[in-house]
Amino acid sequence: MIRKAYVKSRKMWRVDFEVPAEELPQGMDVKSVHIAGTFNGWDKRATPMQYNRRRKAWTARLYLAPGEEVQFRYVVNGEHWCNDWHADDYVPGEYGEDNCVIRLPM
């Protein structure tokens, strides 16, 4: 799930990412989930998600600039790339798989 809210005082979009454990690869012992995308140079380790035991989901909050179209994917255990099926759109990535897209209006 992706929730977006504009924060007037910061002039930024607050974007909350949540990935339920059941949406991650089955049978995998998930030790870490990160978000990699255009906002962090596709760095697989730059944006870690935290596991929320109560919600049984991995979560992260980012503040992103308005007017952007951000591409991203989740990285599980540093090597398995996954999409969020709640993204605004999908575009072909340079490695043959689709990237998720979030649109952040002005």
PDB file of N, CA and C in Angstrom:
ATOM      1  N   MET A   1       0.846  -1.169   0.000  1.00  0.00           N
ATOM      2  CA  MET A   1       0.000   0.000   0.000  1.00  0.00           C
ATOM      3  C   MET A   1       0.893   1.233   0.000  1.00  0.00           C
ATOM      4  N   ILE A   2       0.453   2.235  -0.711  1.00  0.00           N
ATOM      5  CA  ILE A   2       1.161   3.506  -0.768  1.00  0.00           C
ATOM      6  C   ILE A   2       0.164   4.604  -0.419  1.00  0.00           C
ATOM      7  N   ARG A   3       0.531   5.424   0.579  1.00  0.00           N
ATOM      8  CA  ARG A   3      -0.313   6.548   0.966  1.00  0.00           C
ATOM      9  C   ARG A   3       0.493   7.836   0.765  1.00  0.00           C
ATOM     10  N   LYS A   4      -0.130   8.816   0.120  1.00  0.00           N
ATOM     11  CA  LYS A   4       0.536  10.093  -0.141  1.00  0.00           C
ATOM     12  C   LYS A   4      -0.255  11.217   0.523  1.00  0.00           C
ATOM     13  N   ALA A   5       0.466  12.153   1.119  1.00  0.00           N
ATOM     14  CA  ALA A   5      -0.170  13.336   1.698  1.00  0.00           C
ATOM     15  C   ALA A   5       0.782  14.520   1.523  1.00  0.00           C
ATOM     16  N   TYR A   6       0.237  15.627   1.065  1.00  0.00           N
ATOM     17  CA  TYR A   6       1.062  16.825   0.897  1.00  0.00           C
ATOM     18  C   TYR A   6       1.208  17.525   2.243  1.00  0.00           C
ATOM     19  N   VAL A   7       2.444  17.852   2.604  1.00  0.00           N
ATOM     20  CA  VAL A   7       2.739  18.527   3.868  1.00  0.00           C
ATOM     21  C   VAL A   7       3.076  19.984   3.539  1.00  0.00           C
ATOM     22  N   LYS A   8       2.125  20.875   3.760  1.00  0.00           N
ATOM     23  CA  LYS A   8       2.281  22.289   3.383  1.00  0.00           C
ATOM     24  C   LYS A   8       3.487  22.935   4.049  1.00  0.00           C
ATOM     25  N   SER A   9       3.707  22.641   5.326  1.00  0.00           N
ATOM     26  CA  SER A   9       4.799  23.283   6.058  1.00  0.00           C
ATOM     27  C   SER A   9       6.174  22.912   5.498  1.00  0.00           C
ATOM     28  N   ARG A  10       6.288  21.743   4.887  1.00  0.00           N
ATOM     29  CA  ARG A  10       7.566  21.303   4.312  1.00  0.00           C
ATOM     30  C   ARG A  10       7.610  21.475   2.798  1.00  0.00           C
ATOM     31  N   LYS A  11       6.435  21.743   2.196  1.00  0.00           N
ATOM     32  CA  LYS A  11       6.308  21.826   0.740  1.00  0.00           C
ATOM     33  C   LYS A  11       6.839  20.553   0.079  1.00  0.00           C
ATOM     34  N   MET A  12       6.479  19.432   0.683  1.00  0.00           N
ATOM     35  CA  MET A  12       6.920  18.114   0.210  1.00  0.00           C
ATOM     36  C   MET A  12       5.747  17.139   0.326  1.00  0.00           C
ATOM     37  N   TRP A  13       5.856  16.044  -0.387  1.00  0.00           N
ATOM     38  CA  TRP A  13       4.896  14.949  -0.250  1.00  0.00           C
ATOM     39  C   TRP A  13       5.433  13.942   0.753  1.00  0.00           C
ATOM     40  N   ARG A  14       4.601  13.562   1.718  1.00  0.00           N
ATOM     41  CA  ARG A  14       4.928  12.457   2.628  1.00  0.00           C
ATOM     42  C   ARG A  14       4.358  11.208   1.966  1.00  0.00           C
ATOM     43  N   VAL A  15       5.233  10.250   1.717  1.00  0.00           N
ATOM     44  CA  VAL A  15       4.810   9.009   1.072  1.00  0.00           C
ATOM     45  C   VAL A  15       5.099   7.860   2.022  1.00  0.00           C
ATOM     46  N   ASP A  16       4.036   7.165   2.428  1.00  0.00           N
ATOM     47  CA  ASP A  16       4.160   6.011   3.312  1.00  0.00           C
ATOM     48  C   ASP A  16       4.041   4.740   2.476  1.00  0.00           C
ATOM     49  N   PHE A  17       5.064   3.903   2.578  1.00  0.00           N
ATOM     50  CA  PHE A  17       5.094   2.624   1.881  1.00  0.00           C
ATOM     51  C   PHE A  17       4.812   1.524   2.898  1.00  0.00           C
ATOM     52  N   GLU A  18       4.011   0.554   2.510  1.00  0.00           N
ATOM     53  CA  GLU A  18       3.738  -0.589   3.378  1.00  0.00           C
ATOM     54  C   GLU A  18       3.629  -1.836   2.506  1.00  0.00           C
ATOM     55  N   VAL A  19       4.442  -2.827   2.827  1.00  0.00           N
ATOM     56  CA  VAL A  19       4.426  -4.087   2.091  1.00  0.00           C
ATOM     57  C   VAL A  19       4.072  -5.208   3.058  1.00  0.00           C
ATOM     58  N   PRO A  20       2.854  -5.753   2.950  1.00  0.00           N
ATOM     59  CA  PRO A  20       2.493  -6.880   3.811  1.00  0.00           C
ATOM     60  C   PRO A  20       3.428  -8.070   3.563  1.00  0.00           C
ATOM     61  N   ALA A  21       3.781  -8.761   4.625  1.00  0.00           N
ATOM     62  CA  ALA A  21       4.694  -9.899   4.505  1.00  0.00           C
ATOM     63  C   ALA A  21       4.190 -10.920   3.491  1.00  0.00           C
ATOM     64  N   GLU A  22       2.866 -11.089   3.388  1.00  0.00           N
ATOM     65  CA  GLU A  22       2.337 -12.098   2.461  1.00  0.00           C
ATOM     66  C   GLU A  22       2.504 -11.710   0.999  1.00  0.00           C
ATOM     67  N   GLU A  23       2.844 -10.437   0.702  1.00  0.00           N
ATOM     68  CA  GLU A  23       3.067 -10.010  -0.680  1.00  0.00           C
ATOM     69  C   GLU A  23       4.522 -10.179  -1.115  1.00  0.00           C
ATOM     70  N   LEU A  24       5.386 -10.587  -0.199  1.00  0.00           N
ATOM     71  CA  LEU A  24       6.794 -10.826  -0.528  1.00  0.00           C
ATOM     72  C   LEU A  24       6.960 -12.265  -1.005  1.00  0.00           C
ATOM     73  N   PRO A  25       8.091 -12.582  -1.643  1.00  0.00           N
ATOM     74  CA  PRO A  25       8.277 -13.933  -2.183  1.00  0.00           C
ATOM     75  C   PRO A  25       8.016 -15.029  -1.143  1.00  0.00           C
ATOM     76  N   GLN A  26       7.175 -15.972  -1.512  1.00  0.00           N
ATOM     77  CA  GLN A  26       6.803 -17.075  -0.618  1.00  0.00           C
ATOM     78  C   GLN A  26       8.004 -17.994  -0.363  1.00  0.00           C
ATOM     79  N   GLY A  27       8.084 -18.486   0.861  1.00  0.00           N
ATOM     80  CA  GLY A  27       9.143 -19.423   1.229  1.00  0.00           C
ATOM     81  C   GLY A  27      10.480 -18.776   1.511  1.00  0.00           C
ATOM     82  N   MET A  28      10.572 -17.476   1.388  1.00  0.00           N
ATOM     83  CA  MET A  28      11.832 -16.779   1.620  1.00  0.00           C
ATOM     84  C   MET A  28      11.883 -16.280   3.061  1.00  0.00           C
ATOM     85  N   ASP A  29      13.010 -16.482   3.708  1.00  0.00           N
ATOM     86  CA  ASP A  29      13.222 -15.940   5.049  1.00  0.00           C
ATOM     87  C   ASP A  29      13.636 -14.478   4.883  1.00  0.00           C
ATOM     88  N   VAL A  30      12.676 -13.572   5.007  1.00  0.00           N
ATOM     89  CA  VAL A  30      12.924 -12.150   4.758  1.00  0.00           C
ATOM     90  C   VAL A  30      13.612 -11.534   5.970  1.00  0.00           C
ATOM     91  N   LYS A  31      14.820 -11.070   5.754  1.00  0.00           N
ATOM     92  CA  LYS A  31      15.598 -10.441   6.815  1.00  0.00           C
ATOM     93  C   LYS A  31      15.644  -8.926   6.655  1.00  0.00           C
ATOM     94  N   SER A  32      15.506  -8.440   5.415  1.00  0.00           N
ATOM     95  CA  SER A  32      15.524  -6.996   5.190  1.00  0.00           C
ATOM     96  C   SER A  32      14.759  -6.667   3.909  1.00  0.00           C
ATOM     97  N   VAL A  33      14.180  -5.468   3.918  1.00  0.00           N
ATOM     98  CA  VAL A  33      13.537  -4.919   2.729  1.00  0.00           C
ATOM     99  C   VAL A  33      13.971  -3.464   2.638  1.00  0.00           C
ATOM    100  N   HIS A  34      14.401  -3.057   1.460  1.00  0.00           N
ATOM    101  CA  HIS A  34      14.808  -1.681   1.191  1.00  0.00           C
ATOM    102  C   HIS A  34      14.020  -1.168  -0.007  1.00  0.00           C
ATOM    103  N   ILE A  35      13.958   0.161  -0.147  1.00  0.00           N
ATOM    104  CA  ILE A  35      13.362   0.771  -1.331  1.00  0.00           C
ATOM    105  C   ILE A  35      14.501   1.387  -2.130  1.00  0.00           C
ATOM    106  N   ALA A  36      14.583   1.021  -3.392  1.00  0.00           N
ATOM    107  CA  ALA A  36      15.575   1.607  -4.297  1.00  0.00           C
ATOM    108  C   ALA A  36      14.809   2.294  -5.417  1.00  0.00           C
ATOM    109  N   GLY A  37      15.298   3.452  -5.832  1.00  0.00           N
ATOM    110  CA  GLY A  37      14.600   4.159  -6.897  1.00  0.00           C
ATOM    111  C   GLY A  37      15.343   5.387  -7.373  1.00  0.00           C
ATOM    112  N   THR A  38      14.654   6.151  -8.199  1.00  0.00           N
ATOM    113  CA  THR A  38      15.268   7.342  -8.774  1.00  0.00           C
ATOM    114  C   THR A  38      15.604   8.379  -7.705  1.00  0.00           C
ATOM    115  N   PHE A  39      14.917   8.358  -6.572  1.00  0.00           N
ATOM    116  CA  PHE A  39      15.146   9.325  -5.491  1.00  0.00           C
ATOM    117  C   PHE A  39      16.425   9.049  -4.711  1.00  0.00           C
ATOM    118  N   ASN A  40      17.003   7.834  -4.834  1.00  0.00           N
ATOM    119  CA  ASN A  40      18.243   7.521  -4.109  1.00  0.00           C
ATOM    120  C   ASN A  40      19.295   6.872  -5.006  1.00  0.00           C
ATOM    121  N   GLY A  41      19.204   7.131  -6.304  1.00  0.00           N
ATOM    122  CA  GLY A  41      20.212   6.599  -7.238  1.00  0.00           C
ATOM    123  C   GLY A  41      20.162   5.095  -7.373  1.00  0.00           C
ATOM    124  N   TRP A  42      19.007   4.486  -7.096  1.00  0.00           N
ATOM    125  CA  TRP A  42      18.816   3.036  -7.159  1.00  0.00           C
ATOM    126  C   TRP A  42      19.764   2.302  -6.208  1.00  0.00           C
ATOM    127  N   ASP A  43      20.104   2.941  -5.102  1.00  0.00           N
ATOM    128  CA  ASP A  43      20.969   2.335  -4.087  1.00  0.00           C
ATOM    129  C   ASP A  43      20.165   1.303  -3.295  1.00  0.00           C
ATOM    130  N   LYS A  44      20.577   0.054  -3.362  1.00  0.00           N
ATOM    131  CA  LYS A  44      19.846  -1.051  -2.729  1.00  0.00           C
ATOM    132  C   LYS A  44      19.866  -1.004  -1.207  1.00  0.00           C
ATOM    133  N   ARG A  45      20.717  -0.202  -0.603  1.00  0.00           N
ATOM    134  CA  ARG A  45      20.844  -0.154   0.859  1.00  0.00           C
ATOM    135  C   ARG A  45      20.500   1.199   1.465  1.00  0.00           C
ATOM    136  N   ALA A  46      20.236   2.208   0.641  1.00  0.00           N
ATOM    137  CA  ALA A  46      20.082   3.575   1.148  1.00  0.00           C
ATOM    138  C   ALA A  46      18.793   3.802   1.936  1.00  0.00           C
ATOM    139  N   THR A  47      17.714   3.083   1.604  1.00  0.00           N
ATOM    140  CA  THR A  47      16.421   3.373   2.220  1.00  0.00           C
ATOM    141  C   THR A  47      15.815   2.099   2.810  1.00  0.00           C
ATOM    142  N   PRO A  48      16.189   1.772   4.054  1.00  0.00           N
ATOM    143  CA  PRO A  48      15.653   0.555   4.676  1.00  0.00           C
ATOM    144  C   PRO A  48      14.204   0.722   5.122  1.00  0.00           C
ATOM    145  N   MET A  49      13.491  -0.386   5.139  1.00  0.00           N
ATOM    146  CA  MET A  49      12.139  -0.429   5.676  1.00  0.00           C
ATOM    147  C   MET A  49      12.204  -1.131   7.023  1.00  0.00           C
ATOM    148  N   GLN A  50      11.247  -0.814   7.895  1.00  0.00           N
ATOM    149  CA  GLN A  50      11.187  -1.430   9.221  1.00  0.00           C
ATOM    150  C   GLN A  50      10.037  -2.426   9.253  1.00  0.00           C
ATOM    151  N   TYR A  51      10.242  -3.527   9.987  1.00  0.00           N
ATOM    152  CA  TYR A  51       9.167  -4.506  10.104  1.00  0.00           C
ATOM    153  C   TYR A  51       8.257  -4.120  11.259  1.00  0.00           C
ATOM    154  N   ASN A  52       6.960  -4.019  10.969  1.00  0.00           N
ATOM    155  CA  ASN A  52       5.950  -3.697  11.970  1.00  0.00           C
ATOM    156  C   ASN A  52       5.258  -5.006  12.343  1.00  0.00           C
ATOM    157  N   ARG A  53       5.559  -5.522  13.523  1.00  0.00           N
ATOM    158  CA  ARG A  53       5.011  -6.826  13.948  1.00  0.00           C
ATOM    159  C   ARG A  53       3.489  -6.815  14.058  1.00  0.00           C
ATOM    160  N   ARG A  54       2.943  -5.728  14.558  1.00  0.00           N
ATOM    161  CA  ARG A  54       1.492  -5.641  14.718  1.00  0.00           C
ATOM    162  C   ARG A  54       0.774  -5.718  13.371  1.00  0.00           C
ATOM    163  N   ARG A  55       1.303  -5.006  12.386  1.00  0.00           N
ATOM    164  CA  ARG A  55       0.677  -4.981  11.057  1.00  0.00           C
ATOM    165  C   ARG A  55       1.165  -6.119  10.151  1.00  0.00           C
ATOM    166  N   LYS A  56       2.242  -6.804  10.597  1.00  0.00           N
ATOM    167  CA  LYS A  56       2.870  -7.867   9.790  1.00  0.00           C
ATOM    168  C   LYS A  56       3.210  -7.339   8.395  1.00  0.00           C
ATOM    169  N   ALA A  57       3.910  -6.197   8.407  1.00  0.00           N
ATOM    170  CA  ALA A  57       4.249  -5.526   7.157  1.00  0.00           C
ATOM    171  C   ALA A  57       5.554  -4.744   7.322  1.00  0.00           C
ATOM    172  N   TRP A  58       6.233  -4.533   6.214  1.00  0.00           N
ATOM    173  CA  TRP A  58       7.425  -3.709   6.160  1.00  0.00           C
ATOM    174  C   TRP A  58       6.984  -2.302   5.800  1.00  0.00           C
ATOM    175  N   THR A  59       7.497  -1.275   6.514  1.00  0.00           N
ATOM    176  CA  THR A  59       7.041   0.095   6.302  1.00  0.00           C
ATOM    177  C   THR A  59       8.218   1.069   6.192  1.00  0.00           C
ATOM    178  N   ALA A  60       7.969   2.165   5.501  1.00  0.00           N
ATOM    179  CA  ALA A  60       8.945   3.261   5.404  1.00  0.00           C
ATOM    180  C   ALA A  60       8.185   4.535   5.047  1.00  0.00           C
ATOM    181  N   ARG A  61       8.743   5.662   5.452  1.00  0.00           N
ATOM    182  CA  ARG A  61       8.176   6.967   5.121  1.00  0.00           C
ATOM    183  C   ARG A  61       9.260   7.796   4.451  1.00  0.00           C
ATOM    184  N   LEU A  62       8.901   8.406   3.320  1.00  0.00           N
ATOM    185  CA  LEU A  62       9.815   9.289   2.602  1.00  0.00           C
ATOM    186  C   LEU A  62       9.141  10.632   2.385  1.00  0.00           C
ATOM    187  N   TYR A  63       9.944  11.667   2.263  1.00  0.00           N
ATOM    188  CA  TYR A  63       9.463  12.993   1.872  1.00  0.00           C
ATOM    189  C   TYR A  63      10.064  13.286   0.507  1.00  0.00           C
ATOM    190  N   LEU A  64       9.183  13.507  -0.474  1.00  0.00           N
ATOM    191  CA  LEU A  64       9.611  13.672  -1.856  1.00  0.00           C
ATOM    192  C   LEU A  64       9.049  14.970  -2.426  1.00  0.00           C
ATOM    193  N   ALA A  65       9.777  15.538  -3.369  1.00  0.00           N
ATOM    194  CA  ALA A  65       9.419  16.832  -3.941  1.00  0.00           C
ATOM    195  C   ALA A  65       8.194  16.748  -4.846  1.00  0.00           C
ATOM    196  N   PRO A  66       7.362  17.784  -4.812  1.00  0.00           N
ATOM    197  CA  PRO A  66       6.207  17.821  -5.706  1.00  0.00           C
ATOM    198  C   PRO A  66       6.647  17.956  -7.165  1.00  0.00           C
ATOM    199  N   GLY A  67       5.777  17.489  -8.044  1.00  0.00           N
ATOM    200  CA  GLY A  67       6.042  17.595  -9.471  1.00  0.00           C
ATOM    201  C   GLY A  67       6.903  16.478 -10.029  1.00  0.00           C
ATOM    202  N   GLU A  68       7.237  15.512  -9.210  1.00  0.00           N
ATOM    203  CA  GLU A  68       8.094  14.413  -9.661  1.00  0.00           C
ATOM    204  C   GLU A  68       7.286  13.183 -10.028  1.00  0.00           C
ATOM    205  N   GLU A  69       7.888  12.383 -10.861  1.00  0.00           N
ATOM    206  CA  GLU A  69       7.375  11.050 -11.170  1.00  0.00           C
ATOM    207  C   GLU A  69       8.501  10.099 -10.759  1.00  0.00           C
ATOM    208  N   VAL A  70       8.346   9.489  -9.606  1.00  0.00           N
ATOM    209  CA  VAL A  70       9.399   8.693  -8.986  1.00  0.00           C
ATOM    210  C   VAL A  70       9.243   7.216  -9.375  1.00  0.00           C
ATOM    211  N   GLN A  71      10.333   6.604  -9.810  1.00  0.00           N
ATOM    212  CA  GLN A  71      10.350   5.172 -10.076  1.00  0.00           C
ATOM    213  C   GLN A  71      11.022   4.473  -8.902  1.00  0.00           C
ATOM    214  N   PHE A  72      10.542   3.272  -8.571  1.00  0.00           N
ATOM    215  CA  PHE A  72      11.121   2.537  -7.447  1.00  0.00           C
ATOM    216  C   PHE A  72      10.802   1.052  -7.556  1.00  0.00           C
ATOM    217  N   ARG A  73      11.503   0.280  -6.737  1.00  0.00           N
ATOM    218  CA  ARG A  73      11.216  -1.143  -6.520  1.00  0.00           C
ATOM    219  C   ARG A  73      11.686  -1.491  -5.114  1.00  0.00           C
ATOM    220  N   TYR A  74      11.164  -2.591  -4.578  1.00  0.00           N
ATOM    221  CA  TYR A  74      11.608  -3.088  -3.279  1.00  0.00           C
ATOM    222  C   TYR A  74      12.725  -4.102  -3.500  1.00  0.00           C
ATOM    223  N   VAL A  75      13.690  -4.121  -2.575  1.00  0.00           N
ATOM    224  CA  VAL A  75      14.799  -5.072  -2.639  1.00  0.00           C
ATOM    225  C   VAL A  75      14.763  -5.905  -1.363  1.00  0.00           C
ATOM    226  N   VAL A  76      14.517  -7.202  -1.524  1.00  0.00           N
ATOM    227  CA  VAL A  76      14.395  -8.118  -0.399  1.00  0.00           C
ATOM    228  C   VAL A  76      15.727  -8.842  -0.211  1.00  0.00           C
ATOM    229  N   ASN A  77      16.223  -8.810   1.025  1.00  0.00           N
ATOM    230  CA  ASN A  77      17.495  -9.467   1.390  1.00  0.00           C
ATOM    231  C   ASN A  77      18.654  -9.045   0.490  1.00  0.00           C
ATOM    232  N   GLY A  78      18.592  -7.825  -0.026  1.00  0.00           N
ATOM    233  CA  GLY A  78      19.694  -7.280  -0.810  1.00  0.00           C
ATOM    234  C   GLY A  78      19.820  -7.790  -2.224  1.00  0.00           C
ATOM    235  N   GLU A  79      18.910  -8.685  -2.667  1.00  0.00           N
ATOM    236  CA  GLU A  79      19.090  -9.231  -4.010  1.00  0.00           C
ATOM    237  C   GLU A  79      17.818  -9.536  -4.792  1.00  0.00           C
ATOM    238  N   HIS A  80      16.700  -9.678  -4.155  1.00  0.00           N
ATOM    239  CA  HIS A  80      15.450 -10.013  -4.846  1.00  0.00           C
ATOM    240  C   HIS A  80      14.621  -8.739  -5.039  1.00  0.00           C
ATOM    241  N   TRP A  81      14.380  -8.369  -6.290  1.00  0.00           N
ATOM    242  CA  TRP A  81      13.646  -7.150  -6.623  1.00  0.00           C
ATOM    243  C   TRP A  81      12.170  -7.459  -6.763  1.00  0.00           C
ATOM    244  N   CYS A  82      11.306  -6.632  -6.133  1.00  0.00           N
ATOM    245  CA  CYS A  82       9.856  -6.841  -6.153  1.00  0.00           C
ATOM    246  C   CYS A  82       9.150  -5.526  -6.446  1.00  0.00           C
ATOM    247  N   ASN A  83       7.951  -5.618  -7.003  1.00  0.00           N
ATOM    248  CA  ASN A  83       7.133  -4.443  -7.278  1.00  0.00           C
ATOM    249  C   ASN A  83       6.040  -4.274  -6.240  1.00  0.00           C
ATOM    250  N   ASP A  84       5.495  -3.078  -6.196  1.00  0.00           N
ATOM    251  CA  ASP A  84       4.335  -2.774  -5.363  1.00  0.00           C
ATOM    252  C   ASP A  84       3.142  -2.662  -6.295  1.00  0.00           C
ATOM    253  N   TRP A  85       2.169  -3.518  -6.140  1.00  0.00           N
ATOM    254  CA  TRP A  85       1.030  -3.571  -7.053  1.00  0.00           C
ATOM    255  C   TRP A  85       0.015  -2.476  -6.762  1.00  0.00           C
ATOM    256  N   HIS A  86       0.372  -1.548  -5.860  1.00  0.00           N
ATOM    257  CA  HIS A  86      -0.481  -0.400  -5.574  1.00  0.00           C
ATOM    258  C   HIS A  86       0.114   0.892  -6.134  1.00  0.00           C
ATOM    259  N   ALA A  87       1.139   0.782  -6.959  1.00  0.00           N
ATOM    260  CA  ALA A  87       1.777   1.960  -7.547  1.00  0.00           C
ATOM    261  C   ALA A  87       0.818   2.654  -8.512  1.00  0.00           C
ATOM    262  N   ASP A  88       1.115   3.913  -8.820  1.00  0.00           N
ATOM    263  CA  ASP A  88       0.288   4.673  -9.758  1.00  0.00           C
ATOM    264  C   ASP A  88       0.413   4.151 -11.184  1.00  0.00           C
ATOM    265  N   ASP A  89       1.583   3.610 -11.520  1.00  0.00           N
ATOM    266  CA  ASP A  89       1.827   3.134 -12.878  1.00  0.00           C
ATOM    267  C   ASP A  89       3.076   2.259 -12.863  1.00  0.00           C
ATOM    268  N   TYR A  90       3.405   1.708 -14.030  1.00  0.00           N
ATOM    269  CA  TYR A  90       4.594   0.870 -14.202  1.00  0.00           C
ATOM    270  C   TYR A  90       5.222   1.236 -15.535  1.00  0.00           C
ATOM    271  N   VAL A  91       6.549   1.275 -15.556  1.00  0.00           N
ATOM    272  CA  VAL A  91       7.273   1.563 -16.798  1.00  0.00           C
ATOM    273  C   VAL A  91       8.370   0.527 -16.960  1.00  0.00           C
ATOM    274  N   PRO A  92       8.721   0.203 -18.211  1.00  0.00           N
ATOM    275  CA  PRO A  92       9.797  -0.766 -18.423  1.00  0.00           C
ATOM    276  C   PRO A  92      11.111  -0.252 -17.842  1.00  0.00           C
ATOM    277  N   GLY A  93      11.800  -1.123 -17.119  1.00  0.00           N
ATOM    278  CA  GLY A  93      13.111  -0.790 -16.577  1.00  0.00           C
ATOM    279  C   GLY A  93      14.200  -1.237 -17.539  1.00  0.00           C
ATOM    280  N   GLU A  94      15.416  -0.821 -17.281  1.00  0.00           N
ATOM    281  CA  GLU A  94      16.511  -1.145 -18.196  1.00  0.00           C
ATOM    282  C   GLU A  94      16.984  -2.592 -18.093  1.00  0.00           C
ATOM    283  N   TYR A  95      16.481  -3.354 -17.112  1.00  0.00           N
ATOM    284  CA  TYR A  95      16.903  -4.747 -16.965  1.00  0.00           C
ATOM    285  C   TYR A  95      15.805  -5.733 -17.345  1.00  0.00           C
ATOM    286  N   GLY A  96      14.791  -5.251 -18.072  1.00  0.00           N
ATOM    287  CA  GLY A  96      13.761  -6.137 -18.583  1.00  0.00           C
ATOM    288  C   GLY A  96      12.547  -6.322 -17.690  1.00  0.00           C
ATOM    289  N   GLU A  97      12.533  -5.741 -16.511  1.00  0.00           N
ATOM    290  CA  GLU A  97      11.369  -5.829 -15.625  1.00  0.00           C
ATOM    291  C   GLU A  97      10.782  -4.438 -15.445  1.00  0.00           C
ATOM    292  N   ASP A  98       9.514  -4.384 -15.066  1.00  0.00           N
ATOM    293  CA  ASP A  98       8.863  -3.091 -14.877  1.00  0.00           C
ATOM    294  C   ASP A  98       9.269  -2.457 -13.554  1.00  0.00           C
ATOM    295  N   ASN A  99       9.369  -1.124 -13.578  1.00  0.00           N
ATOM    296  CA  ASN A  99       9.563  -0.336 -12.360  1.00  0.00           C
ATOM    297  C   ASN A  99       8.224   0.254 -11.949  1.00  0.00           C
ATOM    298  N   CYS A 100       8.018   0.408 -10.657  1.00  0.00           N
ATOM    299  CA  CYS A 100       6.831   1.063 -10.125  1.00  0.00           C
ATOM    300  C   CYS A 100       7.004   2.576 -10.283  1.00  0.00           C
ATOM    301  N   VAL A 101       5.884   3.279 -10.406  1.00  0.00           N
ATOM    302  CA  VAL A 101       5.905   4.729 -10.537  1.00  0.00           C
ATOM    303  C   VAL A 101       4.938   5.351  -9.533  1.00  0.00           C
ATOM    304  N   ILE A 102       5.378   6.435  -8.895  1.00  0.00           N
ATOM    305  CA  ILE A 102       4.520   7.260  -8.042  1.00  0.00           C
ATOM    306  C   ILE A 102       4.530   8.651  -8.658  1.00  0.00           C
ATOM    307  N   ARG A 103       3.345   9.212  -8.856  1.00  0.00           N
ATOM    308  CA  ARG A 103       3.223  10.570  -9.372  1.00  0.00           C
ATOM    309  C   ARG A 103       2.903  11.511  -8.211  1.00  0.00           C
ATOM    310  N   LEU A 104       3.685  12.597  -8.130  1.00  0.00           N
ATOM    311  CA  LEU A 104       3.534  13.563  -7.041  1.00  0.00           C
ATOM    312  C   LEU A 104       3.195  14.920  -7.651  1.00  0.00           C
ATOM    313  N   PRO A 105       1.911  15.301  -7.650  1.00  0.00           N
ATOM    314  CA  PRO A 105       1.501  16.564  -8.283  1.00  0.00           C
ATOM    315  C   PRO A 105       2.163  17.778  -7.652  1.00  0.00           C
ATOM    316  N   MET A 106       2.142  18.885  -8.397  1.00  0.00           N
ATOM    317  CA  MET A 106       2.675  20.171  -7.907  1.00  0.00           C
ATOM    318  C   MET A 106       1.742  20.718  -6.844  1.00  0.00           C
TER     319      MET A 106
END
